[in-house]
Protein backbone atom coordinates (compact mmCIF):
# COMPACT_ATOMS: atom_id res chain seq x y z
CA UNK A 1 -109.64 -161.71 67.51
CA UNK A 2 -111.49 -158.78 65.98
CA UNK A 3 -111.99 -158.69 62.18
CA UNK A 4 -110.92 -155.08 62.04
CA UNK A 5 -107.65 -155.72 63.88
CA UNK A 6 -106.42 -156.85 67.23
CA UNK A 7 -103.30 -157.36 69.30
CA UNK A 8 -102.06 -160.79 70.35
CA UNK A 9 -100.34 -161.17 73.66
CA UNK A 10 -99.42 -164.79 72.91
CA UNK A 11 -98.77 -167.14 70.04
CA UNK A 12 -101.07 -167.98 67.13
CA UNK A 13 -101.39 -171.63 66.16
CA UNK A 14 -102.95 -173.19 63.06
CA UNK A 15 -103.75 -176.87 63.61
CA UNK A 16 -104.24 -177.66 59.92
CA UNK A 17 -102.88 -176.49 56.57
CA UNK A 18 -104.38 -173.06 56.94
CA UNK A 19 -103.09 -170.11 54.95
CA UNK A 20 -102.21 -166.64 56.13
CA UNK A 21 -102.92 -164.34 53.19
CA UNK A 22 -102.86 -160.68 52.21
CA UNK A 23 -105.17 -159.95 49.29
CA UNK A 24 -105.64 -156.65 47.53
CA UNK A 25 -107.59 -156.40 44.30
CA UNK A 26 -106.50 -159.53 42.38
CA UNK A 27 -102.97 -159.62 43.83
CA UNK A 28 -101.98 -161.59 46.88
CA UNK A 29 -99.22 -162.73 49.16
CA UNK A 30 -99.62 -165.93 51.15
CA UNK A 31 -97.77 -167.95 53.76
CA UNK A 32 -98.62 -171.56 54.43
CA UNK A 33 -97.29 -174.82 55.86
CA UNK A 34 -97.47 -178.16 54.10
CA UNK A 35 -97.55 -181.25 56.28
CA UNK A 36 -99.48 -184.42 55.49
CA UNK A 37 -98.58 -186.39 58.62
CA UNK A 38 -95.96 -186.67 61.36
CA UNK A 39 -94.00 -188.99 59.07
CA UNK A 40 -94.15 -186.61 56.11
CA UNK A 41 -90.59 -186.32 54.74
CA UNK A 42 -91.50 -183.34 52.59
CA UNK A 43 -92.89 -180.88 55.12
CA UNK A 44 -92.16 -177.24 54.46
CA UNK A 45 -93.30 -173.68 54.95
CA UNK A 46 -94.13 -171.90 51.71
CA UNK A 47 -94.36 -168.31 50.56
CA UNK A 48 -96.35 -167.28 47.53
CA UNK A 49 -97.20 -164.13 45.63
CA UNK A 50 -99.48 -164.05 42.68
CA UNK A 51 -101.63 -162.74 39.92
CA UNK A 52 -99.60 -161.25 37.05
CA UNK A 53 -95.97 -161.86 38.07
CA UNK A 54 -95.24 -158.33 39.22
CA UNK A 55 -95.58 -159.32 42.86
CA UNK A 56 -92.45 -160.35 44.75
CA UNK A 57 -90.95 -160.66 48.21
CA UNK A 58 -88.74 -157.97 49.67
CA UNK A 59 -86.76 -158.10 52.89
CA UNK A 60 -85.96 -154.70 54.34
CA UNK A 61 -84.81 -153.06 57.54
CA UNK A 62 -85.85 -149.76 59.05
CA UNK A 63 -83.77 -147.59 61.34
CA UNK A 64 -85.54 -144.49 62.59
CA UNK A 65 -86.89 -142.90 59.40
CA UNK A 66 -84.57 -144.76 57.00
CA UNK A 67 -85.63 -147.93 55.21
CA UNK A 68 -83.01 -150.13 53.55
CA UNK A 69 -83.71 -152.99 51.14
CA UNK A 70 -81.82 -156.17 52.05
CA UNK A 71 -83.00 -158.78 49.55
CA UNK A 72 -85.64 -159.30 46.87
CA UNK A 73 -87.07 -162.55 45.53
CA UNK A 74 -88.88 -162.51 42.19
CA UNK A 75 -90.10 -165.17 39.77
CA UNK A 76 -86.72 -165.45 38.06
CA UNK A 77 -84.20 -163.73 40.31
CA UNK A 78 -82.91 -163.56 43.86
CA UNK A 79 -81.05 -160.32 44.58
CA UNK A 80 -79.02 -159.98 47.76
CA UNK A 81 -78.44 -156.28 48.26
CA UNK A 82 -76.10 -156.40 51.28
CA UNK A 83 -73.01 -158.36 52.30
CA UNK A 84 -73.60 -162.08 52.76
CA UNK A 85 -71.68 -164.83 54.56
CA UNK A 86 -72.14 -168.50 53.68
CA UNK A 87 -70.69 -170.76 56.35
CA UNK A 88 -70.14 -173.75 54.12
CA UNK A 89 -69.90 -174.69 50.47
CA UNK A 90 -71.89 -173.21 47.58
CA UNK A 91 -73.08 -174.97 44.46
CA UNK A 92 -74.07 -173.12 41.29
CA UNK A 93 -76.18 -175.42 39.13
CA UNK A 94 -75.06 -178.47 41.09
CA UNK A 95 -74.57 -179.82 44.58
CA UNK A 96 -71.11 -179.23 46.04
CA UNK A 97 -68.71 -182.17 46.46
CA UNK A 98 -65.56 -180.12 47.19
CA UNK A 99 -66.74 -179.19 50.68
CA UNK A 100 -65.18 -176.61 52.98
CA UNK A 101 -65.23 -173.01 51.79
CA UNK A 102 -65.75 -173.69 48.09
CA UNK A 103 -67.86 -172.78 45.06
CA UNK A 104 -68.64 -175.30 42.34
CA UNK A 105 -69.89 -174.26 38.89
CA UNK A 106 -72.21 -176.59 37.00
CA UNK A 107 -70.27 -179.69 38.09
CA UNK A 108 -70.17 -180.89 41.68
CA UNK A 109 -66.36 -181.19 41.78
CA UNK A 110 -65.27 -178.32 39.50
CA UNK A 111 -64.73 -174.87 40.97
CA UNK A 112 -62.78 -172.87 43.54
CA UNK A 113 -61.80 -173.76 47.09
CA UNK A 114 -60.05 -171.88 49.88
CA UNK A 115 -57.48 -174.30 51.31
CA UNK A 116 -55.76 -172.09 53.87
CA UNK A 117 -54.98 -168.50 54.74
CA UNK A 118 -54.49 -166.64 51.46
CA UNK A 119 -54.67 -169.84 49.38
CA UNK A 120 -57.21 -170.26 46.56
CA UNK A 121 -57.19 -173.54 44.62
CA UNK A 122 -58.86 -174.36 41.30
CA UNK A 123 -60.32 -177.85 40.77
CA UNK A 124 -61.47 -179.66 37.61
CA UNK A 125 -63.24 -183.00 38.11
CA UNK A 126 -61.92 -183.16 41.69
CA UNK A 127 -58.30 -182.69 40.53
CA UNK A 128 -56.43 -179.66 41.84
CA UNK A 129 -55.03 -177.92 38.76
CA UNK A 130 -54.04 -174.43 39.95
CA UNK A 131 -53.25 -172.47 43.10
CA UNK A 132 -53.20 -168.72 43.69
CA UNK A 133 -51.45 -167.24 46.71
CA UNK A 134 -49.56 -164.08 47.55
CA UNK A 135 -46.37 -163.94 45.48
CA UNK A 136 -46.91 -166.97 43.26
CA UNK A 137 -49.41 -168.75 41.01
CA UNK A 138 -48.81 -172.51 40.84
CA UNK A 139 -49.91 -174.82 38.01
CA UNK A 140 -50.14 -178.47 39.12
CA UNK A 141 -50.76 -179.61 35.53
CA UNK A 142 -49.30 -178.59 32.16
CA UNK A 143 -49.78 -175.04 30.89
CA UNK A 144 -50.75 -174.88 27.22
CA UNK A 145 -50.91 -172.00 24.75
CA UNK A 146 -52.90 -172.56 21.57
CA UNK A 147 -55.43 -175.26 20.68
CA UNK A 148 -54.04 -176.23 17.27
CA UNK A 149 -50.27 -176.17 17.28
CA UNK A 150 -49.64 -176.11 20.99
CA UNK A 151 -46.90 -174.67 23.19
CA UNK A 152 -46.72 -176.53 26.51
CA UNK A 153 -44.90 -175.73 29.74
CA UNK A 154 -44.61 -178.72 32.06
CA UNK A 155 -42.62 -180.29 34.90
CA UNK A 156 -42.03 -184.01 35.51
CA UNK A 157 -41.34 -183.23 39.20
CA UNK A 158 -38.30 -185.54 39.32
CA UNK A 159 -35.33 -183.18 38.82
CA UNK A 160 -32.89 -182.54 41.67
CA UNK A 161 -33.20 -178.75 41.35
CA UNK A 162 -35.74 -176.18 40.29
CA UNK A 163 -35.58 -174.17 37.06
CA UNK A 164 -36.29 -170.46 36.66
CA UNK A 165 -36.85 -168.57 33.43
CA UNK A 166 -36.61 -164.85 34.13
CA UNK A 167 -36.94 -161.69 32.08
CA UNK A 168 -34.96 -158.77 33.49
CA UNK A 169 -32.92 -155.77 32.40
CA UNK A 170 -30.50 -153.03 33.44
CA UNK A 171 -29.11 -149.83 31.94
CA UNK A 172 -26.23 -151.67 30.24
CA UNK A 173 -28.27 -154.81 29.49
CA UNK A 174 -31.75 -153.60 28.51
CA UNK A 175 -33.40 -156.99 27.87
CA UNK A 176 -32.18 -160.32 29.26
CA UNK A 177 -34.14 -163.60 29.02
CA UNK A 178 -32.34 -166.01 31.32
CA UNK A 179 -32.69 -169.65 32.38
CA UNK A 180 -31.09 -170.85 35.60
CA UNK A 181 -31.54 -172.69 38.88
CA UNK A 182 -30.27 -172.55 42.46
CA UNK A 183 -26.70 -173.32 41.31
CA UNK A 184 -26.54 -170.42 38.82
CA UNK A 185 -27.48 -169.43 35.29
CA UNK A 186 -27.55 -171.86 32.34
CA UNK A 187 -27.95 -169.55 29.33
CA UNK A 188 -29.39 -166.20 28.34
CA UNK A 189 -30.37 -164.21 25.28
CA UNK A 190 -29.58 -160.51 25.59
CA UNK A 191 -30.52 -157.37 23.66
CA UNK A 192 -27.72 -154.80 23.96
CA UNK A 193 -27.90 -151.01 24.06
CA UNK A 194 -26.95 -150.85 20.34
CA UNK A 195 -29.90 -153.17 19.57
CA UNK A 196 -27.62 -156.14 18.79
CA UNK A 197 -28.30 -159.55 20.34
CA UNK A 198 -25.98 -162.05 21.99
CA UNK A 199 -26.62 -165.60 23.18
CA UNK A 200 -24.42 -166.88 25.99
CA UNK A 201 -24.11 -170.35 27.52
CA UNK A 202 -22.59 -171.08 30.92
CA UNK A 203 -20.83 -174.26 29.74
CA UNK A 204 -20.34 -176.24 26.55
CA UNK A 205 -22.62 -176.48 23.54
CA UNK A 206 -22.92 -180.09 22.37
CA UNK A 207 -24.87 -180.39 19.11
CA UNK A 208 -26.15 -183.77 17.98
CA UNK A 209 -25.07 -182.95 14.40
CA UNK A 210 -21.73 -181.27 13.78
CA UNK A 211 -22.27 -180.85 10.02
CA UNK A 212 -22.47 -177.07 9.98
CA UNK A 213 -19.39 -176.85 12.21
CA UNK A 214 -17.40 -179.41 10.20
CA UNK A 215 -17.90 -177.53 6.94
CA UNK A 216 -16.73 -174.21 8.35
CA UNK A 217 -13.98 -174.81 10.89
CA UNK A 218 -10.41 -176.18 10.77
CA UNK A 219 -10.19 -179.26 12.95
CA UNK A 220 -6.48 -180.06 12.48
CA UNK A 221 -3.25 -178.82 10.84
CA UNK A 222 -0.32 -180.92 9.56
CA UNK A 223 2.74 -180.99 7.28
CA UNK A 224 2.06 -183.00 4.14
CA UNK A 225 4.10 -185.29 1.88
CA UNK A 226 7.86 -184.68 1.72
CA UNK A 227 9.13 -182.88 -1.41
CA UNK A 228 12.87 -182.74 -2.32
CA UNK A 229 14.08 -179.87 -4.49
CA UNK A 230 17.64 -179.64 -5.92
CA UNK A 231 18.90 -176.08 -5.58
CA UNK A 232 21.31 -175.37 -8.45
CA UNK A 233 24.17 -173.02 -7.89
CA UNK A 234 22.92 -169.43 -7.92
CA UNK A 235 19.23 -170.44 -8.22
CA UNK A 236 16.21 -169.41 -6.11
CA UNK A 237 13.32 -171.70 -5.21
CA UNK A 238 9.95 -171.15 -3.48
CA UNK A 239 6.98 -173.51 -3.30
CA UNK A 240 3.62 -171.91 -2.49
CA UNK A 241 2.06 -173.11 0.75
CA UNK A 242 5.14 -175.13 1.72
CA UNK A 243 7.64 -174.86 4.52
CA UNK A 244 11.32 -175.91 4.44
CA UNK A 245 11.81 -178.76 6.86
CA UNK A 246 15.37 -179.71 5.98
CA UNK A 247 18.54 -179.01 3.91
CA UNK A 248 21.14 -181.38 2.49
CA UNK A 249 24.53 -179.71 2.00
CA UNK A 250 27.31 -181.55 0.18
CA UNK A 251 30.74 -179.98 0.18
CA UNK A 252 30.65 -176.22 -0.05
CA UNK A 253 27.47 -174.39 0.92
CA UNK A 254 27.04 -172.76 -2.50
CA UNK A 255 27.13 -176.07 -4.35
CA UNK A 256 24.18 -177.97 -5.85
CA UNK A 257 22.36 -178.97 -2.65
CA UNK A 258 18.89 -180.31 -1.76
CA UNK A 259 16.08 -178.49 0.03
CA UNK A 260 13.29 -180.51 1.66
CA UNK A 261 9.78 -179.02 1.64
CA UNK A 262 6.45 -180.15 3.07
CA UNK A 263 3.06 -178.54 2.31
CA UNK A 264 1.15 -176.96 5.19
CA UNK A 265 -2.29 -178.58 5.25
CA UNK A 266 -5.59 -177.87 7.04
CA UNK A 267 -8.36 -180.40 7.77
CA UNK A 268 -11.93 -179.27 7.05
CA UNK A 269 -15.01 -181.50 6.92
CA UNK A 270 -13.03 -184.71 6.32
CA UNK A 271 -10.64 -183.35 3.66
CA UNK A 272 -7.03 -182.10 3.86
CA UNK A 273 -6.33 -178.87 1.93
CA UNK A 274 -3.01 -177.15 1.21
CA UNK A 275 -3.01 -173.65 2.61
CA UNK A 276 -3.11 -170.73 0.18
CA UNK A 277 -0.39 -168.13 -0.13
CA UNK A 278 -0.62 -164.38 -0.63
């Protein structure tokens, strides 16, 4: 081969660890091959640029008069300037233990994995914790809001039906927050058009403590202890909060006869009260 240039019609073979180098001024770019023996388990081809750190590798393509950069490799950065396809897993800061079409971040079993058409799963320490797919996002673990006093949304996965909490509205029912399942709605809280609020339950409310109900509502009504009043001839008698339950007439009707009264009573919070009278 001529020192000032030549054309090879065949291959070029180096039988030792020779270097192919381009040197200009004090800058250089070199290609070499490291191999100590046939049994060397660390044989590799190396690329090197040097002097002051401004030198780097650039991959580019030329079509007619147009040159396009494809990738650059510098001391501290690899820039891929075109679309790239990785047929396998990718590890960022760690090897990848998730396998398939996945990306791990800093931990070999924490990251993202494509587990089917349109399905993206999130893993933490090899446990699948979340799934994104068209129309739904699925949490396989508890969802927590706050790191002090926490609000947690969870499922024990042992109920016979699903549960749905839905926010919806209409012209006559502007805001409705509703809980239900496949069999129908359970309860809802509704903001009305006049800005009032109602809470409705599709069934019975069964409190564990009836105290506030007992102190406000009448649980029973009865007639109290019997009272006998003698009605003298020409007299008039009335007992507040009582009802006449009987009369005793001896001889003529306008004689001195007996009227039998009983108080009307209401039962509130364990106590019987006589009703008031207006």
